[in-house]
Protein backbone atom coordinates (compact mmCIF):
# COMPACT_ATOMS: atom_id res chain seq x y z
CA UNK A 1 63.54 196.41 108.33
CA UNK A 2 63.92 192.85 107.66
CA UNK A 3 62.26 189.55 108.23
CA UNK A 4 63.71 187.26 110.88
CA UNK A 5 61.42 184.25 110.60
CA UNK A 6 58.78 182.98 107.98
CA UNK A 7 56.23 180.41 108.84
CA UNK A 8 53.74 178.98 106.42
CA UNK A 9 50.73 176.70 107.21
CA UNK A 10 48.75 175.29 104.31
CA UNK A 11 50.26 177.81 101.95
CA UNK A 12 50.41 176.90 98.43
CA UNK A 13 52.46 173.51 98.36
CA UNK A 14 53.53 173.73 102.03
CA UNK A 15 51.66 171.88 104.82
CA UNK A 16 54.00 173.62 107.01
CA UNK A 17 57.37 175.23 106.80
CA UNK A 18 59.66 177.32 109.05
CA UNK A 19 62.29 179.24 107.33
CA UNK A 20 64.94 181.35 109.60
CA UNK A 21 66.14 184.57 107.69
CA UNK A 22 69.00 187.13 108.19
CA UNK A 23 69.72 190.44 106.69
CA UNK A 24 71.64 190.58 103.58
CA UNK A 25 71.05 188.22 100.82
CA UNK A 26 69.11 184.92 100.97
CA UNK A 27 68.84 182.77 97.95
CA UNK A 28 66.53 179.98 97.25
CA UNK A 29 67.73 177.69 94.70
CA UNK A 30 65.95 174.43 93.36
CA UNK A 31 64.34 173.01 90.23
CA UNK A 32 61.19 174.61 89.12
CA UNK A 33 58.06 173.53 90.76
CA UNK A 34 59.36 173.00 94.09
CA UNK A 35 58.23 175.82 95.98
CA UNK A 36 60.92 178.54 95.77
CA UNK A 37 58.35 181.27 94.66
CA UNK A 38 55.84 180.36 96.97
CA UNK A 39 58.07 181.43 99.71
CA UNK A 40 58.82 184.95 98.57
CA UNK A 41 55.11 185.09 97.48
CA UNK A 42 54.17 184.97 101.10
CA UNK A 43 56.51 187.55 102.04
CA UNK A 44 55.13 189.81 99.33
CA UNK A 45 51.41 189.03 100.48
CA UNK A 46 52.13 190.55 103.91
CA UNK A 47 53.11 193.79 102.12
CA UNK A 48 50.41 194.10 99.72
CA UNK A 49 47.64 191.60 100.82
CA UNK A 50 47.71 190.21 97.35
CA UNK A 51 49.81 187.78 95.13
CA UNK A 52 52.01 188.95 92.16
CA UNK A 53 50.82 185.59 90.60
CA UNK A 54 47.14 185.33 90.96
CA UNK A 55 44.16 187.50 91.52
CA UNK A 56 42.36 185.85 94.29
CA UNK A 57 43.24 183.94 97.53
CA UNK A 58 41.78 180.50 96.54
CA UNK A 59 44.94 179.19 94.79
CA UNK A 60 47.06 180.10 97.86
CA UNK A 61 45.50 177.72 99.98
CA UNK A 62 46.90 174.10 99.65
CA UNK A 63 44.50 171.67 98.27
CA UNK A 64 42.43 169.93 100.75
CA UNK A 65 43.02 172.74 103.29
CA UNK A 66 40.27 175.27 104.42
CA UNK A 67 42.74 178.19 105.08
CA UNK A 68 46.24 179.07 104.88
CA UNK A 69 48.41 180.87 107.70
CA UNK A 70 51.28 183.31 106.88
CA UNK A 71 53.35 184.37 109.81
CA UNK A 72 56.51 186.44 109.81
CA UNK A 73 58.56 187.91 112.67
CA UNK A 74 59.91 191.22 111.42
CA UNK A 75 62.70 193.57 113.03
CA UNK A 76 62.86 197.38 112.52
CA UNK A 77 65.80 198.96 114.33
CA UNK A 78 65.10 197.76 117.87
CA UNK A 79 61.61 196.88 117.27
CA UNK A 80 60.30 193.51 116.93
CA UNK A 81 56.77 192.38 115.41
CA UNK A 82 54.95 189.29 114.78
CA UNK A 83 52.68 189.38 111.81
CA UNK A 84 50.04 186.89 111.28
CA UNK A 85 47.48 186.65 108.34
CA UNK A 86 44.93 183.82 107.85
CA UNK A 87 43.43 183.29 104.44
CA UNK A 88 40.02 182.04 104.32
CA UNK A 89 38.73 181.98 100.70
CA UNK A 90 35.19 182.76 100.48
CA UNK A 91 35.04 184.30 103.76
CA UNK A 92 36.76 187.12 105.63
CA UNK A 93 40.55 186.92 106.11
CA UNK A 94 41.93 187.46 109.76
CA UNK A 95 44.94 189.13 111.11
CA UNK A 96 46.98 189.55 114.25
CA UNK A 97 49.75 191.70 115.06
CA UNK A 98 51.86 190.45 118.18
CA UNK A 99 49.52 187.60 118.81
CA UNK A 100 46.89 190.44 120.02
CA UNK A 101 43.31 190.36 119.44
CA UNK A 102 42.35 190.28 115.88
CA UNK A 103 42.65 193.34 113.67
CA UNK A 104 41.48 194.26 110.15
CA UNK A 105 43.80 192.66 107.59
CA UNK A 106 44.59 196.18 106.04
CA UNK A 107 45.96 197.21 109.60
CA UNK A 108 49.01 195.21 108.69
CA UNK A 109 49.88 197.26 105.66
CA UNK A 110 52.78 199.25 106.16
CA UNK A 111 54.36 197.05 108.76
CA UNK A 112 56.35 195.20 105.72
CA UNK A 113 57.18 196.68 102.76
CA UNK A 114 58.58 194.91 99.58
CA UNK A 115 59.64 195.51 96.13
CA UNK A 116 59.40 192.56 93.95
CA UNK A 117 61.16 191.84 90.67
CA UNK A 118 59.40 188.90 88.67
CA UNK A 119 59.03 187.72 85.18
CA UNK A 120 55.55 189.25 85.18
CA UNK A 121 57.16 192.61 85.47
CA UNK A 122 57.56 192.71 81.65
CA UNK A 123 53.77 193.19 81.66
CA UNK A 124 54.29 196.73 83.03
CA UNK A 125 55.59 197.92 79.63
CA UNK A 126 53.98 195.41 77.21
CA UNK A 127 50.81 194.49 79.26
CA UNK A 128 47.31 196.15 79.49
CA UNK A 129 46.76 199.61 81.46
CA UNK A 130 45.44 197.22 84.59
CA UNK A 131 48.94 196.12 85.24
CA UNK A 132 50.32 199.63 85.38
CA UNK A 133 47.36 200.75 87.53
CA UNK A 134 48.03 198.10 89.77
CA UNK A 135 51.78 199.12 90.04
CA UNK A 136 50.89 202.64 90.93
CA UNK A 137 48.35 201.64 93.39
CA UNK A 138 50.32 199.29 95.23
CA UNK A 139 53.20 201.47 95.60
CA UNK A 140 50.76 204.32 96.73
CA UNK A 141 49.84 202.00 99.51
CA UNK A 142 53.27 201.19 100.39
CA UNK A 143 53.95 204.87 100.97
CA UNK A 144 50.54 205.57 102.72
CA UNK A 145 48.84 202.58 103.96
CA UNK A 146 45.52 204.72 104.58
CA UNK A 147 45.07 204.60 100.94
CA UNK A 148 44.13 200.90 100.92
CA UNK A 149 40.75 202.29 102.64
CA UNK A 150 40.67 204.83 99.87
CA UNK A 151 40.96 202.09 97.24
CA UNK A 152 38.51 199.92 98.89
CA UNK A 153 35.87 202.76 99.13
CA UNK A 154 36.39 203.43 95.43
CA UNK A 155 35.92 199.89 94.44
CA UNK A 156 32.84 199.59 96.39
CA UNK A 157 31.26 202.64 94.88
CA UNK A 158 32.38 201.59 91.41
CA UNK A 159 30.68 198.35 91.89
CA UNK A 160 27.54 199.94 92.99
CA UNK A 161 27.37 202.50 90.21
CA UNK A 162 28.08 199.70 87.86
CA UNK A 163 25.14 197.65 89.09
CA UNK A 164 22.91 200.64 88.60
CA UNK A 165 23.94 201.43 85.15
CA UNK A 166 23.80 197.78 83.99
CA UNK A 167 20.21 197.52 85.32
CA UNK A 168 19.43 200.86 83.55
CA UNK A 169 21.07 199.51 80.25
CA UNK A 170 19.16 196.10 80.31
CA UNK A 171 15.84 198.05 80.92
CA UNK A 172 16.51 200.25 77.77
CA UNK A 173 17.14 197.37 75.76
CA UNK A 174 14.21 195.24 76.74
CA UNK A 175 11.86 198.32 76.32
CA UNK A 176 9.31 197.13 79.05
CA UNK A 177 8.95 193.81 77.57
CA UNK A 178 7.90 190.79 79.87
CA UNK A 179 10.42 190.00 82.21
CA UNK A 180 12.34 193.15 82.08
CA UNK A 181 13.38 195.39 84.97
CA UNK A 182 10.22 197.78 85.94
CA UNK A 183 10.65 201.02 83.79
CA UNK A 184 10.51 204.49 85.40
CA UNK A 185 10.35 208.05 83.94
CA UNK A 186 14.19 207.56 83.26
CA UNK A 187 13.42 205.01 80.75
CA UNK A 188 14.98 202.25 82.72
CA UNK A 189 16.02 201.24 86.09
CA UNK A 190 15.60 203.95 88.81
CA UNK A 191 18.56 206.36 88.40
CA UNK A 192 17.23 208.82 91.30
CA UNK A 193 20.66 207.71 93.31
CA UNK A 194 23.03 208.03 90.28
CA UNK A 195 23.93 211.75 91.42
CA UNK A 196 24.84 210.52 94.91
CA UNK A 197 27.07 207.75 93.53
CA UNK A 198 28.80 210.28 91.25
CA UNK A 199 29.76 212.29 94.12
CA UNK A 200 30.95 209.47 96.11
CA UNK A 201 33.01 208.05 93.15
CA UNK A 202 34.42 211.47 92.28
CA UNK A 203 35.56 212.10 95.91
CA UNK A 204 37.37 208.90 96.43
CA UNK A 205 38.67 209.04 92.90
CA UNK A 206 40.09 212.47 93.37
CA UNK A 207 42.18 211.36 96.23
CA UNK A 208 43.46 208.17 94.31
CA UNK A 209 44.11 210.55 91.40
CA UNK A 210 46.10 213.13 93.48
CA UNK A 211 48.05 210.10 95.11
CA UNK A 212 48.82 208.80 91.64
CA UNK A 213 50.11 212.13 90.12
CA UNK A 214 52.27 212.91 93.12
CA UNK A 215 53.65 209.34 92.83
CA UNK A 216 54.42 209.74 89.02
CA UNK A 217 56.31 213.04 89.75
CA UNK A 218 58.56 211.30 92.38
CA UNK A 219 59.22 208.31 90.32
CA UNK A 220 60.09 210.21 87.02
CA UNK A 221 63.85 211.35 87.94
CA UNK A 222 64.16 208.02 89.85
CA UNK A 223 63.09 205.95 86.96
CA UNK A 224 65.24 207.94 84.32
CA UNK A 225 68.38 207.35 86.59
CA UNK A 226 67.54 203.71 87.03
CA UNK A 227 67.18 203.02 83.39
CA UNK A 228 70.45 204.98 82.63
CA UNK A 229 72.15 202.70 85.13
CA UNK A 230 70.68 199.55 83.75
CA UNK A 231 71.26 200.63 79.77
CA UNK A 232 73.66 203.45 79.83
CA UNK A 233 72.73 206.14 76.98
CA UNK A 234 69.37 204.32 76.12
CA UNK A 235 66.95 206.76 77.38
CA UNK A 236 65.62 209.09 78.48
CA UNK A 237 62.48 207.64 79.75
CA UNK A 238 59.05 209.65 80.41
CA UNK A 239 56.41 208.80 82.66
CA UNK A 240 52.73 210.48 81.82
CA UNK A 241 49.34 210.07 82.89
CA UNK A 242 46.51 209.43 80.81
CA UNK A 243 43.16 210.63 82.62
CA UNK A 244 40.03 209.31 81.42
CA UNK A 245 38.37 212.65 82.79
CA UNK A 246 39.80 214.75 79.76
CA UNK A 247 42.23 217.17 79.16
CA UNK A 248 41.55 219.35 82.34
CA UNK A 249 44.05 217.63 84.39
CA UNK A 250 46.98 220.10 84.06
CA UNK A 251 44.87 222.92 85.38
CA UNK A 252 43.86 221.03 88.44
CA UNK A 253 45.88 222.15 91.12
CA UNK A 254 44.16 220.65 94.45
CA UNK A 255 42.10 217.53 95.35
CA UNK A 256 38.88 219.76 95.03
CA UNK A 257 39.92 220.59 91.51
CA UNK A 258 40.33 217.02 90.73
CA UNK A 259 36.91 216.18 92.37
CA UNK A 260 35.24 218.82 90.22
CA UNK A 261 36.98 217.46 87.15
CA UNK A 262 35.80 213.96 87.79
CA UNK A 263 32.19 215.16 88.70
CA UNK A 264 31.98 217.03 85.47
CA UNK A 265 33.33 214.39 83.40
CA UNK A 266 30.92 211.91 84.79
CA UNK A 267 28.05 214.26 83.93
CA UNK A 268 29.13 214.58 80.36
CA UNK A 269 29.71 210.72 80.12
CA UNK A 270 26.19 209.77 81.76
CA UNK A 271 24.06 209.27 78.33
CA UNK A 272 26.91 206.82 77.06
CA UNK A 273 27.41 205.06 80.30
CA UNK A 274 23.49 204.34 80.64
CA UNK A 275 23.67 203.12 77.21
CA UNK A 276 26.77 200.63 77.73
CA UNK A 277 25.81 199.88 81.48
CA UNK A 278 29.46 200.66 82.87
CA UNK A 279 31.22 203.45 84.41
CA UNK A 280 33.29 204.97 81.74
CA UNK A 281 35.01 207.67 83.74
CA UNK A 282 37.50 207.53 86.73
CA UNK A 283 41.03 206.18 87.91
CA UNK A 284 39.94 202.73 86.93
CA UNK A 285 40.08 203.81 83.23
CA UNK A 286 43.40 205.65 83.55
CA UNK A 287 46.73 204.59 82.30
CA UNK A 288 50.32 205.29 83.12
CA UNK A 289 51.93 206.17 79.78
CA UNK A 290 55.82 205.13 79.59
CA UNK A 291 57.85 206.85 76.79
CA UNK A 292 61.45 205.92 75.80
CA UNK A 293 63.25 208.30 73.87
CA UNK A 294 60.73 210.00 71.48
CA UNK A 295 58.54 206.79 71.25
CA UNK A 296 56.08 205.28 73.48
CA UNK A 297 57.76 202.11 75.16
CA UNK A 298 55.00 199.77 74.46
CA UNK A 299 54.84 198.71 70.88
CA UNK A 300 58.24 200.41 70.10
CA UNK A 301 60.83 198.97 72.90
CA UNK A 302 62.69 195.99 72.07
CA UNK A 303 62.49 193.00 74.61
CA UNK A 304 65.79 193.86 76.43
CA UNK A 305 64.74 197.71 76.36
CA UNK A 306 61.24 196.56 77.70
CA UNK A 307 62.94 194.54 80.40
CA UNK A 308 65.39 197.44 81.39
CA UNK A 309 62.27 199.56 81.57
CA UNK A 310 60.52 197.29 83.80
CA UNK A 311 63.56 196.74 85.98
CA UNK A 312 63.96 200.57 86.19
CA UNK A 313 60.57 201.03 87.51
CA UNK A 314 61.16 198.51 90.41
CA UNK A 315 64.39 200.05 91.15
CA UNK A 316 62.99 203.61 91.29
CA UNK A 317 60.07 202.20 93.65
CA UNK A 318 62.65 200.97 95.80
CA UNK A 319 64.75 204.05 95.90
CA UNK A 320 61.67 205.97 96.57
CA UNK A 321 60.67 203.80 99.49
CA UNK A 322 63.94 203.75 101.00
CA UNK A 323 64.51 207.47 100.85
CA UNK A 324 61.22 208.09 102.54
CA UNK A 325 62.26 205.61 105.51
CA UNK A 326 60.33 204.94 108.60
CA UNK A 327 57.42 207.21 109.45
CA UNK A 328 56.43 208.76 112.50
CA UNK A 329 53.84 206.93 114.73
CA UNK A 330 50.36 206.88 113.23
CA UNK A 331 47.26 205.06 112.66
CA UNK A 332 47.93 204.33 109.18
CA UNK A 333 49.42 200.79 109.39
CA UNK A 334 48.31 198.87 112.59
CA UNK A 335 48.79 201.76 114.76
CA UNK A 336 52.69 201.46 114.19
CA UNK A 337 55.54 202.97 112.31
CA UNK A 338 56.13 202.55 108.64
CA UNK A 339 58.47 199.99 107.89
CA UNK A 340 61.84 201.16 106.95
CA UNK A 341 64.08 199.83 103.79
CA UNK A 342 61.95 197.54 101.97
CA UNK A 343 62.81 193.96 101.33
CA UNK A 344 64.06 193.43 97.81
CA UNK A 345 62.62 190.10 96.25
CA UNK A 346 64.06 189.07 93.02
CA UNK A 347 61.81 185.93 92.00
CA UNK A 348 63.80 184.08 89.09
CA UNK A 349 64.58 187.26 87.48
CA UNK A 350 68.23 186.82 86.63
CA UNK A 351 67.41 183.74 84.36
CA UNK A 352 65.35 186.17 82.17
CA UNK A 353 68.18 188.70 81.81
CA UNK A 354 71.37 188.80 79.41
CA UNK A 355 74.58 188.90 81.14
CA UNK A 356 75.19 192.54 81.13
CA UNK A 357 71.59 193.37 82.73
CA UNK A 358 72.00 190.76 85.22
CA UNK A 359 75.49 191.93 86.65
CA UNK A 360 74.24 195.62 86.48
CA UNK A 361 70.93 194.72 88.39
CA UNK A 362 72.90 192.58 91.03
CA UNK A 363 75.30 195.26 91.79
CA UNK A 364 72.35 197.73 92.29
CA UNK A 365 70.56 195.69 94.54
CA UNK A 366 73.45 193.86 96.57
CA UNK A 367 73.67 196.64 99.21
CA UNK A 368 69.91 196.13 100.29
CA UNK A 369 69.19 195.64 103.88
CA UNK A 370 67.67 192.23 102.90
CA UNK A 371 67.37 190.52 99.43
CA UNK A 372 65.48 187.62 98.86
CA UNK A 373 66.40 185.81 95.37
CA UNK A 374 64.98 182.62 93.87
CA UNK A 375 66.79 180.81 91.20
CA UNK A 376 66.54 177.27 89.39
CA UNK A 377 70.33 176.87 89.70
CA UNK A 378 73.22 178.39 91.56
CA UNK A 379 74.82 179.85 88.31
CA UNK A 380 71.68 182.04 87.80
CA UNK A 381 72.68 183.77 90.96
CA UNK A 382 75.35 186.45 90.45
CA UNK A 383 78.48 186.33 92.48
CA UNK A 384 78.11 189.71 93.90
CA UNK A 385 74.85 188.31 95.68
CA UNK A 386 76.83 185.93 97.93
CA UNK A 387 75.06 185.15 101.02
CA UNK A 388 72.86 182.52 102.67
CA UNK A 389 71.93 179.52 100.21
CA UNK A 390 68.69 177.60 100.82
CA UNK A 391 68.02 174.35 98.62
CA UNK A 392 64.43 173.81 97.96
CA UNK A 393 63.00 170.39 96.87
CA UNK A 394 60.21 168.25 97.56
CA UNK A 395 58.63 170.75 100.01
CA UNK A 396 61.70 170.75 102.02
CA UNK A 397 63.68 174.01 102.75
CA UNK A 398 67.27 173.46 103.76
CA UNK A 399 70.04 175.90 104.54
CA UNK A 400 73.20 174.82 102.81
């Protein structure tokens, strides 16, 4: 699978730009701040409905514009598709496939898949658990686009449950004083629906948890292999899952077991949750633990080891998606087939690496069907990644 044309309107710094692309390597070279990353960010947005740089859509719309358009022509085998996303901050985004009537934005998931390497990846090892949860969940959705709906359901239920708990906590603190929420026999806000929310959260959470555990099992050998390729003899690496629901995870053999585990943990945590006004149990509180040798990578790995680990996670993701290949026709991603080999995006990554890691990474990714690279200067692009070059300056993208 590869992108043959990228068109942007009012996206980031671009009032409008048209970029023809080919299979193989395409490098976008130019000084910092000229819009190189904006181009690959748009490709990544098609795959994840999110940016690797910001958490909301508002910064993606050019200043003074009301909306932004990302449009891409994509080829998979002998099949061509035109995908369009309209970003409307503060309102619902819109999507089209092959210029047809509008579909839900999440219906485009699975039509383009990317694996993106960026300087921000160091946070996978050194950052907060949220960075690692995001890594897992985006990869889960790339493997199974229907999981976008499960994640959305979980987030919606979590928000509703937190609102209820927050109201209860406020009522308990005010103790019925003037201006406080009305008290009930629960001693705070009306908690009569909390059991129902527990069941909904546990059901969606069990599906998300099962997918994460399956993903980690698949990633483990691939990550160990990739780390050894980048830093021979430096491993082994170990991926483990820390579950906020307690120690019963190892005995859970099915989604129903995971449901019961989460439901039971929510019940045990209820008093504390009411006191604190927040949900303390569920996939949103879990973490992916990264081990290197006999020690945790976070806090013990050197800067170079941390970079190798982060790169190994991305390479393992690429190998996993590539091995799974195109899926059969399904309703999971816009009614079409799952995309084939992912587009590899390397956003200003080589400047962050020493010469040894730079050359090893370049050799590993060079055979990809489509590789998009950004760099400040030509010297930052390893020679093995010879291919099409574009210069990016003052909002102009020009093939050289």
